[in-house]
Amino acid sequence: MTDRKSELAANLARVEERIASACAAAGREREEVTLIVVTKTYPASDVRLLAELGVRHVAENRDQDAAPKAAACTDLTLGWHFVGQLQTNKVRSVAGYAHVVQSVDRPRLVSALSAAAGNAGRELGCLVQVALDAEAGGRGARGGAAPEQLAQLADLVAGAPGLRIDGVMTVAPLAGPYAGREQAAFERLVELSSRLRADHPGATMVSAGMSGDLEQAVAAGATHVRVGTAVLGARPRLG
């Protein structure tokens, strides 16, 4: 085993232990929580090593990095998640490799994704990104729609050809009433998810929690956690 593979294996084992412990503390089964490894800024070689170590879901947040990486890994059985703020001019590219877009936050993006999915002959899973720091009708500092926009966006996704409404996503806000209250933020997302499932029973995904707050996300009821640094190490500086 290479040094890098050994490093990733050890990091994955520590993250797995954290998730398992959090599930046990919350009275949940370990199988209820899916790990998504955020591979942004890291090379395709790391994605290959992660796949060899049993990782089945990876996430990217910049199309210019993700597209060539996904193309280099088409032989791997992986679920690719796009988690960054998505510009409409990047939608066609993202629709070619992503299985789930977790950052749907405006009607124009729904329309663009639907058209791109149709052109690619693919079905894309979509999560509505909820911004718990957004003013009514606005967007959050890190992307995302205000909570009252969730139902409308979910309905648009559900009615759009080539798209499937899979659930909700959030990033713990740095401002507003939930700043510094990660578990409360994630519990709020789970409440919103419960309401959403009344109209869209298949929208069961609740994507919340990252390296620093995955325990709070699991305690709140998240079904997917997005972990990067704790698996891959401190990110290299860009630029």
Protein backbone atom coordinates (compact mmCIF):
# COMPACT_ATOMS: atom_id res chain seq x y z
CA MET A 1 0.00 0.00 0.00
CA THR A 2 1.39 3.40 -0.97
CA ASP A 3 2.03 6.07 1.65
CA ARG A 4 -0.86 8.16 0.32
CA LYS A 5 -3.24 5.21 0.28
CA SER A 6 -2.22 4.33 3.85
CA GLU A 7 -2.83 7.94 4.90
CA LEU A 8 -6.26 8.00 3.30
CA ALA A 9 -7.15 4.61 4.81
CA ALA A 10 -6.23 5.83 8.29
CA ASN A 11 -8.19 9.06 7.84
CA LEU A 12 -11.22 7.18 6.52
CA ALA A 13 -11.09 4.84 9.50
CA ARG A 14 -11.12 7.80 11.90
CA VAL A 15 -14.05 9.41 10.09
CA GLU A 16 -15.89 6.09 10.03
CA GLU A 17 -15.39 5.79 13.79
CA ARG A 18 -16.75 9.30 14.29
CA ILE A 19 -19.85 8.58 12.20
CA ALA A 20 -20.45 5.23 13.92
CA SER A 21 -20.09 6.82 17.37
CA ALA A 22 -22.43 9.66 16.44
CA CYS A 23 -25.00 7.19 15.14
CA ALA A 24 -24.78 5.13 18.32
CA ALA A 25 -25.19 8.26 20.48
CA ALA A 26 -28.25 9.27 18.46
CA GLY A 27 -29.79 5.80 18.54
CA ARG A 28 -29.44 5.45 14.79
CA GLU A 29 -28.14 2.60 12.66
CA ARG A 30 -24.80 3.26 10.96
CA GLU A 31 -26.39 2.40 7.61
CA GLU A 32 -28.67 5.44 7.92
CA VAL A 33 -25.80 7.83 7.16
CA THR A 34 -23.91 7.97 3.85
CA LEU A 35 -20.42 9.43 3.67
CA ILE A 36 -19.69 11.71 0.73
CA VAL A 37 -15.99 12.55 0.41
CA VAL A 38 -15.42 16.08 -0.88
CA THR A 39 -12.47 15.74 -3.25
CA LYS A 40 -12.22 19.37 -4.38
CA THR A 41 -8.64 20.57 -5.02
CA TYR A 42 -7.36 16.98 -4.91
CA PRO A 43 -6.31 14.98 -8.00
CA ALA A 44 -8.01 12.12 -9.77
CA SER A 45 -5.35 9.82 -8.34
CA ASP A 46 -6.79 10.42 -4.87
CA VAL A 47 -10.30 9.67 -6.17
CA ARG A 48 -8.99 6.35 -7.47
CA LEU A 49 -7.41 5.50 -4.12
CA LEU A 50 -10.62 6.39 -2.30
CA ALA A 51 -12.59 4.10 -4.61
CA GLU A 52 -10.14 1.28 -3.88
CA LEU A 53 -10.73 1.92 -0.16
CA GLY A 54 -14.49 1.53 -0.54
CA VAL A 55 -15.70 5.11 -0.99
CA ARG A 56 -18.78 5.22 -3.22
CA HIS A 57 -19.72 8.91 -3.24
CA VAL A 58 -17.51 11.93 -3.99
CA ALA A 59 -18.32 15.63 -4.26
CA GLU A 60 -16.90 18.60 -6.15
CA ASN A 61 -17.73 22.30 -6.05
CA ARG A 62 -16.04 23.75 -9.18
CA ASP A 63 -16.87 22.45 -12.63
CA GLN A 64 -13.50 23.42 -14.11
CA ASP A 65 -11.85 21.04 -11.63
CA ALA A 66 -14.58 18.41 -11.53
CA ALA A 67 -15.17 17.84 -15.24
CA PRO A 68 -11.67 16.60 -16.13
CA LYS A 69 -11.45 14.63 -12.90
CA ALA A 70 -14.75 12.85 -13.57
CA ALA A 71 -13.65 12.17 -17.16
CA ALA A 72 -10.47 10.54 -15.85
CA CYS A 73 -12.50 8.29 -13.54
CA THR A 74 -15.32 7.09 -15.80
CA ASP A 75 -14.30 3.47 -15.20
CA LEU A 76 -15.04 3.78 -11.47
CA THR A 77 -18.41 3.03 -9.90
CA LEU A 78 -18.90 6.32 -8.09
CA GLY A 79 -21.74 8.71 -7.40
CA TRP A 80 -20.63 12.25 -8.29
CA HIS A 81 -22.24 15.08 -6.31
CA PHE A 82 -21.95 18.74 -7.29
CA VAL A 83 -22.09 20.84 -4.11
CA GLY A 84 -20.90 24.31 -5.12
CA GLN A 85 -22.76 27.39 -6.26
CA LEU A 86 -23.59 26.62 -9.86
CA GLN A 87 -23.62 29.19 -12.65
CA THR A 88 -26.01 28.46 -15.50
CA ASN A 89 -23.17 28.59 -18.04
CA LYS A 90 -21.61 25.56 -16.32
CA VAL A 91 -24.81 23.51 -16.21
CA ARG A 92 -24.30 21.70 -19.50
CA SER A 93 -20.91 20.40 -18.37
CA VAL A 94 -22.10 19.42 -14.89
CA ALA A 95 -25.08 17.54 -16.33
CA GLY A 96 -22.64 15.33 -18.19
CA TYR A 97 -21.09 13.73 -15.11
CA ALA A 98 -22.97 14.63 -11.92
CA HIS A 99 -25.49 12.19 -10.51
CA VAL A 100 -26.79 14.64 -7.90
CA VAL A 101 -26.69 18.44 -7.85
CA GLN A 102 -26.97 19.50 -4.21
CA SER A 103 -26.99 23.25 -4.74
CA VAL A 104 -30.28 24.01 -6.53
CA ASP A 105 -31.41 27.40 -5.23
CA ARG A 106 -33.27 29.33 -7.95
CA PRO A 107 -35.86 28.68 -10.67
CA ARG A 108 -33.53 29.67 -13.52
CA LEU A 109 -31.09 26.96 -12.44
CA VAL A 110 -33.88 24.36 -12.45
CA SER A 111 -34.77 25.26 -16.04
CA ALA A 112 -31.15 25.15 -17.16
CA LEU A 113 -30.52 21.79 -15.46
CA SER A 114 -33.64 20.31 -17.02
CA ALA A 115 -32.59 21.37 -20.51
CA ALA A 116 -29.05 20.08 -19.99
CA ALA A 117 -30.22 16.76 -18.58
CA GLY A 118 -32.48 16.30 -21.60
CA ASN A 119 -29.64 17.05 -24.01
CA ALA A 120 -27.40 14.58 -22.18
CA GLY A 121 -30.09 11.90 -22.02
CA ARG A 122 -29.63 11.63 -18.26
CA GLU A 123 -31.69 12.03 -15.11
CA LEU A 124 -30.21 14.25 -12.42
CA GLY A 125 -31.06 14.05 -8.75
CA CYS A 126 -31.49 17.49 -7.19
CA LEU A 127 -31.34 18.80 -3.65
CA VAL A 128 -32.69 22.21 -2.82
CA GLN A 129 -30.00 24.11 -0.94
CA VAL A 130 -31.60 25.88 1.99
CA ALA A 131 -29.84 28.97 3.37
CA LEU A 132 -30.73 29.49 7.00
CA ASP A 133 -29.07 32.92 6.93
CA ALA A 134 -31.13 34.20 3.99
CA GLU A 135 -33.60 37.03 4.28
CA ALA A 136 -37.10 36.31 3.01
CA GLY A 137 -36.93 35.83 -0.74
CA GLY A 138 -33.16 36.22 -0.81
CA ARG A 139 -30.12 33.95 -1.05
CA GLY A 140 -27.57 33.01 1.57
CA ALA A 141 -23.99 34.22 1.77
CA ARG A 142 -22.84 30.75 0.70
CA GLY A 143 -25.64 30.19 -1.79
CA GLY A 144 -29.00 28.61 -1.09
CA ALA A 145 -32.59 29.74 -1.05
CA ALA A 146 -34.56 31.07 1.89
CA PRO A 147 -36.61 28.35 3.66
CA GLU A 148 -39.94 29.69 2.39
CA GLN A 149 -38.79 29.09 -1.19
CA LEU A 150 -38.22 25.36 -0.62
CA ALA A 151 -41.68 24.13 -1.59
CA GLN A 152 -41.78 26.15 -4.83
CA LEU A 153 -38.32 25.02 -5.92
CA ALA A 154 -39.04 21.39 -5.07
CA ASP A 155 -42.25 21.50 -7.11
CA LEU A 156 -40.36 23.02 -10.05
CA VAL A 157 -37.72 20.27 -9.89
CA ALA A 158 -40.34 17.53 -9.60
CA GLY A 159 -42.14 18.85 -12.65
CA ALA A 160 -39.05 19.38 -14.78
CA PRO A 161 -38.12 16.74 -17.38
CA GLY A 162 -34.86 14.99 -16.61
CA LEU A 163 -34.79 16.04 -12.96
CA ARG A 164 -35.69 14.26 -9.73
CA ILE A 165 -36.24 15.91 -6.35
CA ASP A 166 -34.12 13.96 -3.88
CA GLY A 167 -34.16 16.18 -0.79
CA VAL A 168 -32.46 19.14 0.87
CA MET A 169 -28.98 20.41 1.68
CA THR A 170 -27.55 23.13 3.89
CA VAL A 171 -24.23 24.54 5.03
CA ALA A 172 -24.03 25.67 8.65
CA PRO A 173 -24.48 29.47 8.43
CA LEU A 174 -21.81 31.90 9.60
CA ALA A 175 -24.32 34.69 10.28
CA GLY A 176 -27.91 35.08 11.37
CA PRO A 177 -29.83 33.32 14.13
CA TYR A 178 -28.17 29.94 13.54
CA ALA A 179 -24.56 31.16 13.51
CA GLY A 180 -22.53 28.99 15.89
CA ARG A 181 -25.55 26.76 16.46
CA GLU A 182 -24.82 23.98 14.01
CA GLN A 183 -27.06 21.32 15.52
CA ALA A 184 -30.01 23.71 15.74
CA ALA A 185 -29.46 24.62 12.08
CA PHE A 186 -29.40 20.98 11.05
CA GLU A 187 -32.49 20.21 13.14
CA ARG A 188 -34.27 23.03 11.31
CA LEU A 189 -33.25 21.46 7.98
CA VAL A 190 -34.66 18.10 9.11
CA GLU A 191 -37.95 19.82 10.00
CA LEU A 192 -38.08 21.33 6.53
CA SER A 193 -37.29 17.93 5.04
CA SER A 194 -40.21 16.37 6.89
CA ARG A 195 -42.59 18.94 5.42
CA LEU A 196 -41.16 18.44 1.97
CA ARG A 197 -41.71 14.68 2.11
CA ALA A 198 -45.43 15.22 2.68
CA ASP A 199 -45.63 16.37 -0.95
CA HIS A 200 -42.58 14.53 -2.32
CA PRO A 201 -42.20 11.21 -0.45
CA GLY A 202 -39.09 10.26 -2.42
CA ALA A 203 -37.18 13.36 -1.30
CA THR A 204 -35.49 11.59 1.59
CA MET A 205 -31.94 12.97 1.41
CA VAL A 206 -30.84 15.41 4.11
CA SER A 207 -27.30 16.53 3.30
CA ALA A 208 -25.69 18.37 6.21
CA GLY A 209 -22.49 18.41 8.18
CA MET A 210 -18.85 18.54 7.22
CA SER A 211 -15.52 17.65 8.83
CA GLY A 212 -16.00 19.94 11.81
CA ASP A 213 -19.67 19.32 12.58
CA LEU A 214 -20.63 15.88 11.27
CA GLU A 215 -21.58 14.71 14.78
CA GLN A 216 -24.15 17.49 15.13
CA ALA A 217 -25.53 16.65 11.70
CA VAL A 218 -25.92 12.96 12.56
CA ALA A 219 -27.57 13.86 15.87
CA ALA A 220 -30.04 16.09 14.04
CA GLY A 221 -30.98 13.36 11.55
CA ALA A 222 -28.84 13.99 8.44
CA THR A 223 -28.77 11.13 5.95
CA HIS A 224 -25.59 12.30 4.16
CA VAL A 225 -22.48 14.04 5.48
CA ARG A 226 -19.93 15.80 3.25
CA VAL A 227 -16.42 15.32 4.58
CA GLY A 228 -13.29 16.63 2.90
CA THR A 229 -10.43 17.78 5.11
CA ALA A 230 -10.83 15.01 7.69
CA VAL A 231 -10.30 12.42 4.93
CA LEU A 232 -7.93 14.12 2.48
CA GLY A 233 -6.01 16.47 4.75
CA ALA A 234 -5.61 20.24 4.86
CA ARG A 235 -6.35 21.70 1.46
CA PRO A 236 -3.50 23.20 -0.54
CA ARG A 237 -3.61 26.96 -0.95
CA LEU A 238 -5.02 28.07 -4.28
CA GLY A 239 -3.27 30.72 -6.34
